[in-house]
C-alpha atoms as a PDB file:
ATOM      1  CA  MET A   1       0.000   0.000   0.000  1.00  0.00           C
ATOM      2  CA  ASP A   2       1.201   3.481  -0.840  1.00  0.00           C
ATOM      3  CA  THR A   3       1.281   6.444   1.525  1.00  0.00           C
ATOM      4  CA  ILE A   4       0.131   9.964   0.824  1.00  0.00           C
ATOM      5  CA  PHE A   5       1.197  12.765   3.158  1.00  0.00           C
ATOM      6  CA  ILE A   6       0.531  16.455   3.625  1.00  0.00           C
ATOM      7  CA  LYS A   7       2.886  18.257   6.026  1.00  0.00           C
ATOM      8  CA  GLY A   8       2.576  21.628   7.698  1.00  0.00           C
ATOM      9  CA  ILE A   9      -1.151  22.395   7.422  1.00  0.00           C
ATOM     10  CA  ARG A  10      -1.615  25.633   9.376  1.00  0.00           C
ATOM     11  CA  CYS A  11      -4.875  26.568  11.119  1.00  0.00           C
ATOM     12  CA  GLN A  12      -5.792  29.597  13.182  1.00  0.00           C
ATOM     13  CA  CYS A  13      -7.907  28.310  16.067  1.00  0.00           C
ATOM     14  CA  ILE A  14      -9.379  29.301  19.375  1.00  0.00           C
ATOM     15  CA  ILE A  15      -8.552  26.298  21.536  1.00  0.00           C
ATOM     16  CA  GLY A  16      -7.519  25.750  25.119  1.00  0.00           C
ATOM     17  CA  VAL A  17      -8.737  25.394  28.662  1.00  0.00           C
ATOM     18  CA  TYR A  18      -7.383  28.656  30.056  1.00  0.00           C
ATOM     19  CA  PRO A  19      -9.261  31.962  29.703  1.00  0.00           C
ATOM     20  CA  TRP A  20      -6.294  33.592  27.932  1.00  0.00           C
ATOM     21  CA  GLU A  21      -6.339  30.776  25.338  1.00  0.00           C
ATOM     22  CA  GLN A  22     -10.025  31.401  24.662  1.00  0.00           C
ATOM     23  CA  ALA A  23      -9.349  35.117  24.070  1.00  0.00           C
ATOM     24  CA  THR A  24      -7.133  34.789  20.989  1.00  0.00           C
ATOM     25  CA  THR A  25      -6.377  32.541  18.061  1.00  0.00           C
ATOM     26  CA  GLN A  26      -3.430  30.172  18.121  1.00  0.00           C
ATOM     27  CA  THR A  27      -1.628  28.592  15.201  1.00  0.00           C
ATOM     28  CA  LEU A  28      -1.915  24.813  15.057  1.00  0.00           C
ATOM     29  CA  VAL A  29       0.182  22.816  12.603  1.00  0.00           C
ATOM     30  CA  LEU A  30      -1.083  19.449  11.398  1.00  0.00           C
ATOM     31  CA  ASP A  31       0.523  16.675   9.400  1.00  0.00           C
ATOM     32  CA  PHE A  32      -1.623  14.090   7.619  1.00  0.00           C
ATOM     33  CA  GLU A  33      -0.773  10.665   6.241  1.00  0.00           C
ATOM     34  CA  CYS A  34      -3.004   7.972   4.790  1.00  0.00           C
ATOM     35  CA  ALA A  35      -2.678   4.655   3.027  1.00  0.00           C
ATOM     36  CA  ALA A  36      -3.865   4.641  -0.554  1.00  0.00           C
ATOM     37  CA  ASP A  37      -3.486   2.842  -3.823  1.00  0.00           C
ATOM     38  CA  PHE A  38      -2.585   5.520  -6.323  1.00  0.00           C
ATOM     39  CA  SER A  39      -1.831   3.186  -9.242  1.00  0.00           C
ATOM     40  CA  LYS A  40      -5.099   4.060 -11.036  1.00  0.00           C
ATOM     41  CA  ALA A  41      -4.366   7.789 -10.770  1.00  0.00           C
ATOM     42  CA  ALA A  42      -0.786   7.218 -11.931  1.00  0.00           C
ATOM     43  CA  GLN A  43      -2.015   5.377 -15.033  1.00  0.00           C
ATOM     44  CA  SER A  44      -4.844   7.747 -15.939  1.00  0.00           C
ATOM     45  CA  ASP A  45      -3.129  10.998 -14.890  1.00  0.00           C
ATOM     46  CA  ASP A  46      -6.627  12.176 -13.905  1.00  0.00           C
ATOM     47  CA  LEU A  47      -7.471  13.949 -10.635  1.00  0.00           C
ATOM     48  CA  ASN A  48     -10.805  12.105 -10.512  1.00  0.00           C
ATOM     49  CA  ASP A  49      -8.845   8.893  -9.894  1.00  0.00           C
ATOM     50  CA  ALA A  50      -6.717  10.425  -7.137  1.00  0.00           C
ATOM     51  CA  LEU A  51      -7.195  11.471  -3.545  1.00  0.00           C
ATOM     52  CA  ASP A  52      -7.543  15.264  -3.759  1.00  0.00           C
ATOM     53  CA  TYR A  53      -4.959  16.789  -1.369  1.00  0.00           C
ATOM     54  CA  GLN A  54      -6.527  20.222  -1.723  1.00  0.00           C
ATOM     55  CA  LYS A  55      -9.935  18.975  -0.540  1.00  0.00           C
ATOM     56  CA  ILE A  56      -8.372  17.152   2.415  1.00  0.00           C
ATOM     57  CA  THR A  57      -6.415  20.258   3.429  1.00  0.00           C
ATOM     58  CA  GLU A  58      -9.434  22.524   3.039  1.00  0.00           C
ATOM     59  CA  ARG A  59     -11.580  20.185   5.151  1.00  0.00           C
ATOM     60  CA  ILE A  60      -9.004  20.043   7.942  1.00  0.00           C
ATOM     61  CA  VAL A  61      -8.618  23.828   8.051  1.00  0.00           C
ATOM     62  CA  GLU A  62     -12.368  24.468   7.739  1.00  0.00           C
ATOM     63  CA  HIS A  63     -13.263  22.240  10.668  1.00  0.00           C
ATOM     64  CA  ALA A  64     -10.346  23.245  12.888  1.00  0.00           C
ATOM     65  CA  GLU A  65     -10.930  26.966  12.450  1.00  0.00           C
ATOM     66  CA  ALA A  66     -14.695  26.653  13.067  1.00  0.00           C
ATOM     67  CA  SER A  67     -14.380  24.445  16.140  1.00  0.00           C
ATOM     68  CA  ARG A  68     -14.455  25.833  19.657  1.00  0.00           C
ATOM     69  CA  VAL A  69     -13.192  22.893  21.690  1.00  0.00           C
ATOM     70  CA  LYS A  70     -10.947  23.100  24.712  1.00  0.00           C
ATOM     71  CA  LEU A  71      -8.726  20.055  24.188  1.00  0.00           C
ATOM     72  CA  ILE A  72      -6.483  19.185  21.257  1.00  0.00           C
ATOM     73  CA  GLU A  73      -7.467  15.558  21.954  1.00  0.00           C
ATOM     74  CA  THR A  74     -11.055  16.455  21.056  1.00  0.00           C
ATOM     75  CA  LEU A  75     -10.092  18.337  17.900  1.00  0.00           C
ATOM     76  CA  ILE A  76      -7.739  15.675  16.518  1.00  0.00           C
ATOM     77  CA  THR A  77     -10.363  12.961  17.150  1.00  0.00           C
ATOM     78  CA  GLN A  78     -13.049  15.013  15.387  1.00  0.00           C
ATOM     79  CA  LEU A  79     -10.724  15.547  12.420  1.00  0.00           C
ATOM     80  CA  ALA A  80      -9.894  11.849  12.168  1.00  0.00           C
ATOM     81  CA  ASP A  81     -13.608  10.966  12.239  1.00  0.00           C
ATOM     82  CA  ILE A  82     -14.383  13.471   9.474  1.00  0.00           C
ATOM     83  CA  LEU A  83     -11.497  12.357   7.258  1.00  0.00           C
ATOM     84  CA  GLU A  84     -12.312   8.654   7.682  1.00  0.00           C
ATOM     85  CA  GLN A  85     -15.949   9.227   6.763  1.00  0.00           C
ATOM     86  CA  GLU A  86     -15.690  11.815   3.997  1.00  0.00           C
ATOM     87  CA  PHE A  87     -12.670  10.383   2.201  1.00  0.00           C
ATOM     88  CA  GLU A  88     -13.282   6.685   2.938  1.00  0.00           C
ATOM     89  CA  LEU A  89      -9.835   6.120   4.399  1.00  0.00           C
ATOM     90  CA  ASN A  90      -8.810   2.745   5.834  1.00  0.00           C
ATOM     91  CA  TRP A  91      -5.684   4.033   7.568  1.00  0.00           C
ATOM     92  CA  LEU A  92      -4.662   7.511   8.618  1.00  0.00           C
ATOM     93  CA  ARG A  93      -2.274   9.262  10.893  1.00  0.00           C
ATOM     94  CA  LEU A  94      -2.664  12.847  12.096  1.00  0.00           C
ATOM     95  CA  SER A  95      -0.234  14.833  14.165  1.00  0.00           C
ATOM     96  CA  LEU A  96      -1.170  18.133  15.746  1.00  0.00           C
ATOM     97  CA  ASP A  97       1.413  20.618  16.999  1.00  0.00           C
ATOM     98  CA  LYS A  98       0.123  23.325  19.331  1.00  0.00           C
ATOM     99  CA  GLY A  99       3.510  25.010  19.416  1.00  0.00           C
ATOM    100  CA  ALA A 100       5.244  26.477  22.428  1.00  0.00           C
ATOM    101  CA  ILE A 101       2.076  27.083  24.394  1.00  0.00           C
ATOM    102  CA  LEU A 102       3.904  26.547  27.689  1.00  0.00           C
ATOM    103  CA  GLN A 103       7.237  28.257  28.295  1.00  0.00           C
ATOM    104  CA  GLN A 104       8.971  25.151  29.641  1.00  0.00           C
ATOM    105  CA  TYR A 105       8.277  23.157  26.436  1.00  0.00           C
ATOM    106  CA  LYS A 106       9.476  23.638  22.898  1.00  0.00           C
ATOM    107  CA  LEU A 107       6.398  21.986  21.371  1.00  0.00           C
ATOM    108  CA  VAL A 108       3.213  20.342  22.627  1.00  0.00           C
ATOM    109  CA  GLY A 109       1.142  18.046  20.444  1.00  0.00           C
ATOM    110  CA  LEU A 110      -0.484  14.710  19.694  1.00  0.00           C
ATOM    111  CA  ILE A 111      -0.279  11.923  17.152  1.00  0.00           C
ATOM    112  CA  LEU A 112      -3.389   9.886  16.375  1.00  0.00           C
ATOM    113  CA  GLY A 113      -3.378   6.721  14.260  1.00  0.00           C
ATOM    114  CA  ARG A 114      -6.424   4.857  12.966  1.00  0.00           C
ATOM    115  CA  GLY A 115      -6.970   1.664  11.004  1.00  0.00           C
ATOM    116  CA  SER A 116      -4.513  -0.869   9.695  1.00  0.00           C
ATOM    117  CA  ARG A 117      -2.119  -0.629   6.803  1.00  0.00           C
END
């Protein structure tokens, strides 16, 4: 099985449990990977036979920027559910980087994996 990835998807979100986090947008950075068979698209050279990276990216950004959840665990789970359903994915991996939200850490984030390769 082949792997498709999109790295560095940036979203401007209001997310967090602290009042100061709810008062301003934060930049989240997401990476997406999924298993796919892109042999048909490679042969036809037709976007209709391929997984549309633009649509996946737009859907991630659209949902993330519209959501008003407190936890990144909630957001990444919602995104995985949406991507699995709307793009009929059997395997995916999402990572979410919340950045240096706390001074004592360089980065804070999550990685979620679903399905089997």
